[in-house]
């Protein structure tokens, strides 16, 4: 059963706060996104494992973009149910590395 929209929004807010405050977690998060030597599927599994180990609900989908010429980023998707509208929705969180030299 999917979580409610409120639960997912709280989950995304917790993740955003953890990335802002926990330097060690953020470095691990950035290392997975910026890794060009490891295949995308393995990096997705690493990202899921990192999120679970930090106490977050495992996302329904994870997309990592790290093509040549693009700034590396990850999009984390959670499916949720809007109880009032009685419909299914997908909420996402995007994290992009700062472009730099």
PDB file of N, CA and C in Angstrom:
ATOM      1  N   UNK A   1       0.838  -1.176   0.000  1.00  0.00           N
ATOM      2  CA  UNK A   1       0.000   0.000   0.000  1.00  0.00           C
ATOM      3  C   UNK A   1       0.893   1.253   0.000  1.00  0.00           C
ATOM      4  N   UNK A   2       0.537   2.206  -0.818  1.00  0.00           N
ATOM      5  CA  UNK A   2       1.310   3.438  -0.918  1.00  0.00           C
ATOM      6  C   UNK A   2       1.071   4.325   0.305  1.00  0.00           C
ATOM      7  N   UNK A   3       2.037   5.145   0.585  1.00  0.00           N
ATOM      8  CA  UNK A   3       1.938   6.077   1.707  1.00  0.00           C
ATOM      9  C   UNK A   3       1.027   7.243   1.329  1.00  0.00           C
ATOM     10  N   UNK A   4       0.629   8.000   2.327  1.00  0.00           N
ATOM     11  CA  UNK A   4      -0.184   9.180   2.050  1.00  0.00           C
ATOM     12  C   UNK A   4       0.722  10.313   1.562  1.00  0.00           C
ATOM     13  N   UNK A   5       0.138  11.291   0.922  1.00  0.00           N
ATOM     14  CA  UNK A   5       0.891  12.436   0.424  1.00  0.00           C
ATOM     15  C   UNK A   5       1.600  13.141   1.578  1.00  0.00           C
ATOM     16  N   UNK A   6       0.921  13.276   2.703  1.00  0.00           N
ATOM     17  CA  UNK A   6       1.518  13.942   3.864  1.00  0.00           C
ATOM     18  C   UNK A   6       2.769  13.208   4.333  1.00  0.00           C
ATOM     19  N   UNK A   7       2.708  11.891   4.411  1.00  0.00           N
ATOM     20  CA  UNK A   7       3.866  11.098   4.846  1.00  0.00           C
ATOM     21  C   UNK A   7       5.042  11.262   3.888  1.00  0.00           C
ATOM     22  N   UNK A   8       4.753  11.248   2.594  1.00  0.00           N
ATOM     23  CA  UNK A   8       5.818  11.378   1.602  1.00  0.00           C
ATOM     24  C   UNK A   8       6.433  12.784   1.648  1.00  0.00           C
ATOM     25  N   UNK A   9       5.604  13.802   1.806  1.00  0.00           N
ATOM     26  CA  UNK A   9       6.142  15.166   1.902  1.00  0.00           C
ATOM     27  C   UNK A   9       7.028  15.323   3.131  1.00  0.00           C
ATOM     28  N   UNK A  10       6.640  14.707   4.235  1.00  0.00           N
ATOM     29  CA  UNK A  10       7.484  14.739   5.435  1.00  0.00           C
ATOM     30  C   UNK A  10       8.801  14.000   5.192  1.00  0.00           C
ATOM     31  N   UNK A  11       8.735  12.892   4.477  1.00  0.00           N
ATOM     32  CA  UNK A  11       9.930  12.111   4.131  1.00  0.00           C
ATOM     33  C   UNK A  11      10.889  12.955   3.285  1.00  0.00           C
ATOM     34  N   UNK A  12      10.362  13.654   2.290  1.00  0.00           N
ATOM     35  CA  UNK A  12      11.180  14.498   1.419  1.00  0.00           C
ATOM     36  C   UNK A  12      11.772  15.663   2.219  1.00  0.00           C
ATOM     37  N   UNK A  13      11.004  16.239   3.120  1.00  0.00           N
ATOM     38  CA  UNK A  13      11.506  17.333   3.956  1.00  0.00           C
ATOM     39  C   UNK A  13      12.639  16.847   4.866  1.00  0.00           C
ATOM     40  N   UNK A  14      12.491  15.640   5.425  1.00  0.00           N
ATOM     41  CA  UNK A  14      13.549  15.061   6.258  1.00  0.00           C
ATOM     42  C   UNK A  14      14.827  14.835   5.450  1.00  0.00           C
ATOM     43  N   UNK A  15      14.661  14.340   4.221  1.00  0.00           N
ATOM     44  CA  UNK A  15      15.816  14.102   3.353  1.00  0.00           C
ATOM     45  C   UNK A  15      16.518  15.408   3.018  1.00  0.00           C
ATOM     46  N   UNK A  16      15.767  16.429   2.701  1.00  0.00           N
ATOM     47  CA  UNK A  16      16.336  17.739   2.386  1.00  0.00           C
ATOM     48  C   UNK A  16      17.098  18.302   3.584  1.00  0.00           C
ATOM     49  N   UNK A  17      16.520  18.182   4.762  1.00  0.00           N
ATOM     50  CA  UNK A  17      17.178  18.669   5.982  1.00  0.00           C
ATOM     51  C   UNK A  17      18.452  17.884   6.270  1.00  0.00           C
ATOM     52  N   UNK A  18      18.410  16.576   6.071  1.00  0.00           N
ATOM     53  CA  UNK A  18      19.595  15.746   6.328  1.00  0.00           C
ATOM     54  C   UNK A  18      20.719  16.105   5.363  1.00  0.00           C
ATOM     55  N   UNK A  19      20.382  16.353   4.110  1.00  0.00           N
ATOM     56  CA  UNK A  19      21.406  16.753   3.148  1.00  0.00           C
ATOM     57  C   UNK A  19      22.013  18.104   3.509  1.00  0.00           C
ATOM     58  N   UNK A  20      21.209  18.980   4.087  1.00  0.00           N
ATOM     59  CA  UNK A  20      21.693  20.306   4.460  1.00  0.00           C
ATOM     60  C   UNK A  20      22.563  20.273   5.711  1.00  0.00           C
ATOM     61  N   UNK A  21      22.275  19.368   6.645  1.00  0.00           N
ATOM     62  CA  UNK A  21      22.944  19.383   7.948  1.00  0.00           C
ATOM     63  C   UNK A  21      24.036  18.331   8.124  1.00  0.00           C
ATOM     64  N   UNK A  22      23.874  17.159   7.512  1.00  0.00           N
ATOM     65  CA  UNK A  22      24.792  16.039   7.740  1.00  0.00           C
ATOM     66  C   UNK A  22      25.824  15.978   6.611  1.00  0.00           C
ATOM     67  N   UNK A  23      27.018  16.488   6.871  1.00  0.00           N
ATOM     68  CA  UNK A  23      28.067  16.580   5.851  1.00  0.00           C
ATOM     69  C   UNK A  23      28.492  15.193   5.363  1.00  0.00           C
ATOM     70  N   UNK A  24      28.644  14.247   6.268  1.00  0.00           N
ATOM     71  CA  UNK A  24      29.085  12.909   5.887  1.00  0.00           C
ATOM     72  C   UNK A  24      28.052  12.243   4.973  1.00  0.00           C
ATOM     73  N   UNK A  25      26.765  12.352   5.314  1.00  0.00           N
ATOM     74  CA  UNK A  25      25.697  11.786   4.490  1.00  0.00           C
ATOM     75  C   UNK A  25      25.686  12.455   3.110  1.00  0.00           C
ATOM     76  N   UNK A  26      25.830  13.775   3.107  1.00  0.00           N
ATOM     77  CA  UNK A  26      25.815  14.511   1.836  1.00  0.00           C
ATOM     78  C   UNK A  26      26.977  14.089   0.942  1.00  0.00           C
ATOM     79  N   UNK A  27      28.166  13.880   1.514  1.00  0.00           N
ATOM     80  CA  UNK A  27      29.321  13.459   0.718  1.00  0.00           C
ATOM     81  C   UNK A  27      29.083  12.085   0.103  1.00  0.00           C
ATOM     82  N   UNK A  28      28.497  11.160   0.866  1.00  0.00           N
ATOM     83  CA  UNK A  28      28.181   9.836   0.327  1.00  0.00           C
ATOM     84  C   UNK A  28      27.164   9.958  -0.806  1.00  0.00           C
ATOM     85  N   UNK A  29      26.155  10.790  -0.583  1.00  0.00           N
ATOM     86  CA  UNK A  29      25.096  11.035  -1.563  1.00  0.00           C
ATOM     87  C   UNK A  29      25.705  11.592  -2.859  1.00  0.00           C
ATOM     88  N   UNK A  30      26.572  12.599  -2.725  1.00  0.00           N
ATOM     89  CA  UNK A  30      27.213  13.223  -3.887  1.00  0.00           C
ATOM     90  C   UNK A  30      28.172  12.272  -4.587  1.00  0.00           C
ATOM     91  N   UNK A  31      28.866  11.449  -3.822  1.00  0.00           N
ATOM     92  CA  UNK A  31      29.816  10.507  -4.402  1.00  0.00           C
ATOM     93  C   UNK A  31      29.100   9.507  -5.311  1.00  0.00           C
ATOM     94  N   UNK A  32      27.936   9.043  -4.880  1.00  0.00           N
ATOM     95  CA  UNK A  32      27.164   8.097  -5.696  1.00  0.00           C
ATOM     96  C   UNK A  32      26.706   8.769  -6.987  1.00  0.00           C
ATOM     97  N   UNK A  33      26.223   9.989  -6.888  1.00  0.00           N
ATOM     98  CA  UNK A  33      25.718  10.698  -8.067  1.00  0.00           C
ATOM     99  C   UNK A  33      26.841  10.991  -9.060  1.00  0.00           C
ATOM    100  N   UNK A  34      27.981  11.437  -8.572  1.00  0.00           N
ATOM    101  CA  UNK A  34      29.076  11.864  -9.433  1.00  0.00           C
ATOM    102  C   UNK A  34      29.968  10.752  -9.941  1.00  0.00           C
ATOM    103  N   UNK A  35      29.783   9.538  -9.482  1.00  0.00           N
ATOM    104  CA  UNK A  35      30.624   8.405  -9.877  1.00  0.00           C
ATOM    105  C   UNK A  35      30.384   8.061 -11.345  1.00  0.00           C
ATOM    106  N   UNK A  36      31.430   8.183 -12.165  1.00  0.00           N
ATOM    107  CA  UNK A  36      31.285   7.848 -13.582  1.00  0.00           C
ATOM    108  C   UNK A  36      31.851   6.471 -13.909  1.00  0.00           C
ATOM    109  N   UNK A  37      32.522   5.849 -12.957  1.00  0.00           N
ATOM    110  CA  UNK A  37      33.130   4.545 -13.199  1.00  0.00           C
ATOM    111  C   UNK A  37      32.163   3.388 -12.961  1.00  0.00           C
ATOM    112  N   UNK A  38      31.146   3.624 -12.142  1.00  0.00           N
ATOM    113  CA  UNK A  38      30.187   2.585 -11.786  1.00  0.00           C
ATOM    114  C   UNK A  38      28.956   2.700 -12.670  1.00  0.00           C
ATOM    115  N   UNK A  39      28.390   1.566 -13.037  1.00  0.00           N
ATOM    116  CA  UNK A  39      27.197   1.567 -13.874  1.00  0.00           C
ATOM    117  C   UNK A  39      25.999   2.181 -13.162  1.00  0.00           C
ATOM    118  N   UNK A  40      25.049   2.654 -13.956  1.00  0.00           N
ATOM    119  CA  UNK A  40      23.883   3.337 -13.399  1.00  0.00           C
ATOM    120  C   UNK A  40      23.063   2.422 -12.497  1.00  0.00           C
ATOM    121  N   UNK A  41      22.864   1.174 -12.900  1.00  0.00           N
ATOM    122  CA  UNK A  41      22.061   0.260 -12.077  1.00  0.00           C
ATOM    123  C   UNK A  41      22.676   0.058 -10.700  1.00  0.00           C
ATOM    124  N   UNK A  42      23.995  -0.086 -10.656  1.00  0.00           N
ATOM    125  CA  UNK A  42      24.665  -0.274  -9.368  1.00  0.00           C
ATOM    126  C   UNK A  42      24.554   0.996  -8.517  1.00  0.00           C
ATOM    127  N   UNK A  43      24.658   2.166  -9.144  1.00  0.00           N
ATOM    128  CA  UNK A  43      24.542   3.416  -8.393  1.00  0.00           C
ATOM    129  C   UNK A  43      23.127   3.598  -7.842  1.00  0.00           C
ATOM    130  N   UNK A  44      22.126   3.168  -8.600  1.00  0.00           N
ATOM    131  CA  UNK A  44      20.743   3.221  -8.106  1.00  0.00           C
ATOM    132  C   UNK A  44      20.596   2.331  -6.881  1.00  0.00           C
ATOM    133  N   UNK A  45      21.168   1.137  -6.929  1.00  0.00           N
ATOM    134  CA  UNK A  45      21.118   0.239  -5.766  1.00  0.00           C
ATOM    135  C   UNK A  45      21.862   0.837  -4.579  1.00  0.00           C
ATOM    136  N   UNK A  46      23.005   1.481  -4.833  1.00  0.00           N
ATOM    137  CA  UNK A  46      23.759   2.131  -3.759  1.00  0.00           C
ATOM    138  C   UNK A  46      22.949   3.271  -3.140  1.00  0.00           C
ATOM    139  N   UNK A  47      22.243   4.040  -3.976  1.00  0.00           N
ATOM    140  CA  UNK A  47      21.434   5.154  -3.478  1.00  0.00           C
ATOM    141  C   UNK A  47      20.288   4.633  -2.617  1.00  0.00           C
ATOM    142  N   UNK A  48      19.619   3.575  -3.077  1.00  0.00           N
ATOM    143  CA  UNK A  48      18.532   2.977  -2.290  1.00  0.00           C
ATOM    144  C   UNK A  48      19.059   2.485  -0.942  1.00  0.00           C
ATOM    145  N   UNK A  49      20.230   1.827  -0.965  1.00  0.00           N
ATOM    146  CA  UNK A  49      20.821   1.304   0.274  1.00  0.00           C
ATOM    147  C   UNK A  49      21.202   2.447   1.221  1.00  0.00           C
ATOM    148  N   UNK A  50      21.753   3.524   0.673  1.00  0.00           N
ATOM    149  CA  UNK A  50      22.118   4.674   1.506  1.00  0.00           C
ATOM    150  C   UNK A  50      20.883   5.281   2.164  1.00  0.00           C
ATOM    151  N   UNK A  51      19.815   5.438   1.406  1.00  0.00           N
ATOM    152  CA  UNK A  51      18.588   6.008   1.959  1.00  0.00           C
ATOM    153  C   UNK A  51      18.001   5.114   3.049  1.00  0.00           C
ATOM    154  N   UNK A  52      17.969   3.796   2.800  1.00  0.00           N
ATOM    155  CA  UNK A  52      17.437   2.866   3.807  1.00  0.00           C
ATOM    156  C   UNK A  52      18.294   2.871   5.069  1.00  0.00           C
ATOM    157  N   UNK A  53      19.619   2.903   4.884  1.00  0.00           N
ATOM    158  CA  UNK A  53      20.503   2.874   6.057  1.00  0.00           C
ATOM    159  C   UNK A  53      20.379   4.153   6.888  1.00  0.00           C
ATOM    160  N   UNK A  54      19.938   5.244   6.263  1.00  0.00           N
ATOM    161  CA  UNK A  54      19.758   6.507   6.980  1.00  0.00           C
ATOM    162  C   UNK A  54      18.356   6.621   7.571  1.00  0.00           C
ATOM    163  N   UNK A  55      17.538   5.574   7.428  1.00  0.00           N
ATOM    164  CA  UNK A  55      16.216   5.562   8.046  1.00  0.00           C
ATOM    165  C   UNK A  55      15.094   6.076   7.175  1.00  0.00           C
ATOM    166  N   UNK A  56      15.355   6.219   5.873  1.00  0.00           N
ATOM    167  CA  UNK A  56      14.313   6.693   4.972  1.00  0.00           C
ATOM    168  C   UNK A  56      13.598   5.516   4.313  1.00  0.00           C
ATOM    169  N   UNK A  57      12.353   5.748   3.941  1.00  0.00           N
ATOM    170  CA  UNK A  57      11.590   4.743   3.206  1.00  0.00           C
ATOM    171  C   UNK A  57      12.239   4.577   1.832  1.00  0.00           C
ATOM    172  N   UNK A  58      12.352   3.353   1.381  1.00  0.00           N
ATOM    173  CA  UNK A  58      12.939   3.110   0.072  1.00  0.00           C
ATOM    174  C   UNK A  58      12.043   3.710  -1.011  1.00  0.00           C
ATOM    175  N   UNK A  59      12.616   4.490  -1.924  1.00  0.00           N
ATOM    176  CA  UNK A  59      11.801   5.125  -2.960  1.00  0.00           C
ATOM    177  C   UNK A  59      11.257   4.112  -3.957  1.00  0.00           C
ATOM    178  N   UNK A  60      10.170   4.488  -4.639  1.00  0.00           N
ATOM    179  CA  UNK A  60       9.605   3.623  -5.661  1.00  0.00           C
ATOM    180  C   UNK A  60      10.472   3.609  -6.917  1.00  0.00           C
ATOM    181  N   UNK A  61      11.146   4.725  -7.179  1.00  0.00           N
ATOM    182  CA  UNK A  61      11.987   4.829  -8.361  1.00  0.00           C
ATOM    183  C   UNK A  61      13.116   5.805  -8.086  1.00  0.00           C
ATOM    184  N   UNK A  62      14.278   5.520  -8.657  1.00  0.00           N
ATOM    185  CA  UNK A  62      15.436   6.413  -8.547  1.00  0.00           C
ATOM    186  C   UNK A  62      16.027   6.555  -9.950  1.00  0.00           C
ATOM    187  N   UNK A  63      16.239   7.789 -10.395  1.00  0.00           N
ATOM    188  CA  UNK A  63      16.877   8.045 -11.690  1.00  0.00           C
ATOM    189  C   UNK A  63      18.123   8.867 -11.428  1.00  0.00           C
ATOM    190  N   UNK A  64      19.251   8.429 -11.980  1.00  0.00           N
ATOM    191  CA  UNK A  64      20.499   9.167 -11.852  1.00  0.00           C
ATOM    192  C   UNK A  64      20.926   9.606 -13.252  1.00  0.00           C
ATOM    193  N   UNK A  65      21.140  10.900 -13.406  1.00  0.00           N
ATOM    194  CA  UNK A  65      21.560  11.465 -14.680  1.00  0.00           C
ATOM    195  C   UNK A  65      22.985  11.966 -14.532  1.00  0.00           C
ATOM    196  N   UNK A  66      23.883  11.450 -15.339  1.00  0.00           N
ATOM    197  CA  UNK A  66      25.285  11.847 -15.273  1.00  0.00           C
ATOM    198  C   UNK A  66      25.904  11.718 -16.663  1.00  0.00           C
ATOM    199  N   UNK A  67      25.244  12.286 -17.660  1.00  0.00           N
ATOM    200  CA  UNK A  67      25.750  12.218 -19.021  1.00  0.00           C
ATOM    201  C   UNK A  67      26.829  13.267 -19.241  1.00  0.00           C
ATOM    202  N   UNK A  68      27.609  13.068 -20.279  1.00  0.00           N
ATOM    203  CA  UNK A  68      28.645  14.041 -20.607  1.00  0.00           C
ATOM    204  C   UNK A  68      28.000  15.385 -20.914  1.00  0.00           C
ATOM    205  N   UNK A  69      28.554  16.426 -20.370  1.00  0.00           N
ATOM    206  CA  UNK A  69      28.045  17.765 -20.606  1.00  0.00           C
ATOM    207  C   UNK A  69      26.896  18.165 -19.698  1.00  0.00           C
ATOM    208  N   UNK A  70      26.379  17.227 -18.916  1.00  0.00           N
ATOM    209  CA  UNK A  70      25.283  17.530 -17.990  1.00  0.00           C
ATOM    210  C   UNK A  70      25.810  17.600 -16.568  1.00  0.00           C
ATOM    211  N   UNK A  71      25.158  18.402 -15.760  1.00  0.00           N
ATOM    212  CA  UNK A  71      25.479  18.429 -14.339  1.00  0.00           C
ATOM    213  C   UNK A  71      24.823  17.206 -13.701  1.00  0.00           C
ATOM    214  N   UNK A  72      25.589  16.376 -12.975  1.00  0.00           N
ATOM    215  CA  UNK A  72      25.014  15.169 -12.376  1.00  0.00           C
ATOM    216  C   UNK A  72      23.864  15.488 -11.428  1.00  0.00           C
ATOM    217  N   UNK A  73      22.805  14.673 -11.499  1.00  0.00           N
ATOM    218  CA  UNK A  73      21.668  14.854 -10.597  1.00  0.00           C
ATOM    219  C   UNK A  73      20.970  13.526 -10.375  1.00  0.00           C
ATOM    220  N   UNK A  74      20.174  13.491  -9.309  1.00  0.00           N
ATOM    221  CA  UNK A  74      19.365  12.324  -8.992  1.00  0.00           C
ATOM    222  C   UNK A  74      17.934  12.802  -8.769  1.00  0.00           C
ATOM    223  N   UNK A  75      16.990  11.993  -9.230  1.00  0.00           N
ATOM    224  CA  UNK A  75      15.573  12.253  -8.983  1.00  0.00           C
ATOM    225  C   UNK A  75      15.031  11.032  -8.245  1.00  0.00           C
ATOM    226  N   UNK A  76      14.450  11.282  -7.080  1.00  0.00           N
ATOM    227  CA  UNK A  76      13.907  10.216  -6.236  1.00  0.00           C
ATOM    228  C   UNK A  76      12.389  10.338  -6.244  1.00  0.00           C
ATOM    229  N   UNK A  77      11.718   9.254  -6.600  1.00  0.00           N
ATOM    230  CA  UNK A  77      10.261   9.254  -6.740  1.00  0.00           C
ATOM    231  C   UNK A  77       9.597   8.410  -5.661  1.00  0.00           C
ATOM    232  N   UNK A  78       8.501   8.926  -5.128  1.00  0.00           N
ATOM    233  CA  UNK A  78       7.668   8.181  -4.180  1.00  0.00           C
ATOM    234  C   UNK A  78       6.227   8.197  -4.679  1.00  0.00           C
ATOM    235  N   UNK A  79       5.588   7.053  -4.686  1.00  0.00           N
ATOM    236  CA  UNK A  79       4.158   6.985  -5.004  1.00  0.00           C
ATOM    237  C   UNK A  79       3.377   7.232  -3.724  1.00  0.00           C
ATOM    238  N   UNK A  80       2.253   7.931  -3.848  1.00  0.00           N
ATOM    239  CA  UNK A  80       1.437   8.254  -2.674  1.00  0.00           C
ATOM    240  C   UNK A  80      -0.034   8.255  -3.060  1.00  0.00           C
ATOM    241  N   UNK A  81      -0.860   8.225  -2.038  1.00  0.00           N
ATOM    242  CA  UNK A  81      -2.305   8.291  -2.234  1.00  0.00           C
ATOM    243  C   UNK A  81      -2.822   9.561  -1.578  1.00  0.00           C
ATOM    244  N   UNK A  82      -3.559  10.340  -2.348  1.00  0.00           N
ATOM    245  CA  UNK A  82      -4.206  11.533  -1.822  1.00  0.00           C
ATOM    246  C   UNK A  82      -5.558  11.085  -1.270  1.00  0.00           C
ATOM    247  N   UNK A  83      -5.681  11.070   0.054  1.00  0.00           N
ATOM    248  CA  UNK A  83      -6.890  10.551   0.702  1.00  0.00           C
ATOM    249  C   UNK A  83      -8.125  11.385   0.380  1.00  0.00           C
ATOM    250  N   UNK A  84      -7.956  12.687   0.284  1.00  0.00           N
ATOM    251  CA  UNK A  84      -9.107  13.547   0.018  1.00  0.00           C
ATOM    252  C   UNK A  84      -9.616  13.387  -1.403  1.00  0.00           C
ATOM    253  N   UNK A  85      -8.706  13.358  -2.354  1.00  0.00           N
ATOM    254  CA  UNK A  85      -9.104  13.222  -3.759  1.00  0.00           C
ATOM    255  C   UNK A  85      -9.257  11.763  -4.188  1.00  0.00           C
ATOM    256  N   UNK A  86      -8.799  10.846  -3.342  1.00  0.00           N
ATOM    257  CA  UNK A  86      -8.822   9.410  -3.615  1.00  0.00           C
ATOM    258  C   UNK A  86      -8.173   9.091  -4.956  1.00  0.00           C
ATOM    259  N   UNK A  87      -6.959   9.612  -5.116  1.00  0.00           N
ATOM    260  CA  UNK A  87      -6.218   9.349  -6.341  1.00  0.00           C
ATOM    261  C   UNK A  87      -4.751   9.076  -6.012  1.00  0.00           C
ATOM    262  N   UNK A  88      -4.096   8.394  -6.917  1.00  0.00           N
ATOM    263  CA  UNK A  88      -2.675   8.099  -6.759  1.00  0.00           C
ATOM    264  C   UNK A  88      -1.855   9.205  -7.398  1.00  0.00           C
ATOM    265  N   UNK A  89      -0.785   9.587  -6.730  1.00  0.00           N
ATOM    266  CA  UNK A  89       0.116  10.618  -7.245  1.00  0.00           C
ATOM    267  C   UNK A  89       1.561  10.163  -7.056  1.00  0.00           C
ATOM    268  N   UNK A  90       2.451  10.780  -7.800  1.00  0.00           N
ATOM    269  CA  UNK A  90       3.879  10.530  -7.643  1.00  0.00           C
ATOM    270  C   UNK A  90       4.539  11.845  -7.256  1.00  0.00           C
ATOM    271  N   UNK A  91       5.282  11.810  -6.168  1.00  0.00           N
ATOM    272  CA  UNK A  91       6.016  12.990  -5.700  1.00  0.00           C
ATOM    273  C   UNK A  91       7.502  12.718  -5.895  1.00  0.00           C
ATOM    274  N   UNK A  92       8.242  13.759  -6.266  1.00  0.00           N
ATOM    275  CA  UNK A  92       9.664  13.537  -6.519  1.00  0.00           C
ATOM    276  C   UNK A  92      10.518  14.593  -5.833  1.00  0.00           C
ATOM    277  N   UNK A  93      11.785  14.218  -5.623  1.00  0.00           N
ATOM    278  CA  UNK A  93      12.785  15.090  -5.025  1.00  0.00           C
ATOM    279  C   UNK A  93      13.992  15.059  -5.963  1.00  0.00           C
ATOM    280  N   UNK A  94      14.448  16.225  -6.405  1.00  0.00           N
ATOM    281  CA  UNK A  94      15.600  16.307  -7.308  1.00  0.00           C
ATOM    282  C   UNK A  94      16.765  16.951  -6.576  1.00  0.00           C
ATOM    283  N   UNK A  95      17.928  16.325  -6.690  1.00  0.00           N
ATOM    284  CA  UNK A  95      19.146  16.870  -6.100  1.00  0.00           C
ATOM    285  C   UNK A  95      20.187  16.926  -7.204  1.00  0.00           C
ATOM    286  N   UNK A  96      20.750  18.122  -7.432  1.00  0.00           N
ATOM    287  CA  UNK A  96      21.727  18.319  -8.494  1.00  0.00           C
ATOM    288  C   UNK A  96      23.027  18.813  -7.900  1.00  0.00           C
ATOM    289  N   UNK A  97      24.127  18.234  -8.354  1.00  0.00           N
ATOM    290  CA  UNK A  97      25.439  18.688  -7.893  1.00  0.00           C
ATOM    291  C   UNK A  97      25.703  20.076  -8.448  1.00  0.00           C
ATOM    292  N   UNK A  98      26.453  20.864  -7.697  1.00  0.00           N
ATOM    293  CA  UNK A  98      26.837  22.194  -8.173  1.00  0.00           C
ATOM    294  C   UNK A  98      27.861  22.047  -9.276  1.00  0.00           C
ATOM    295  N   UNK A  99      27.637  22.704 -10.417  1.00  0.00           N
ATOM    296  CA  UNK A  99      28.664  22.623 -11.467  1.00  0.00           C
ATOM    297  C   UNK A  99      29.913  23.357 -11.007  1.00  0.00           C
ATOM    298  N   UNK A 100      31.026  22.804 -11.329  1.00  0.00           N
ATOM    299  CA  UNK A 100      32.272  23.428 -10.903  1.00  0.00           C
ATOM    300  C   UNK A 100      33.431  22.935 -11.730  1.00  0.00           C
ATOM    301  N   UNK A 101      34.599  23.484 -11.496  1.00  0.00           N
ATOM    302  CA  UNK A 101      35.778  23.079 -12.285  1.00  0.00           C
ATOM    303  C   UNK A 101      36.234  21.682 -11.955  1.00  0.00           C
TER     304      UNK A 101
END
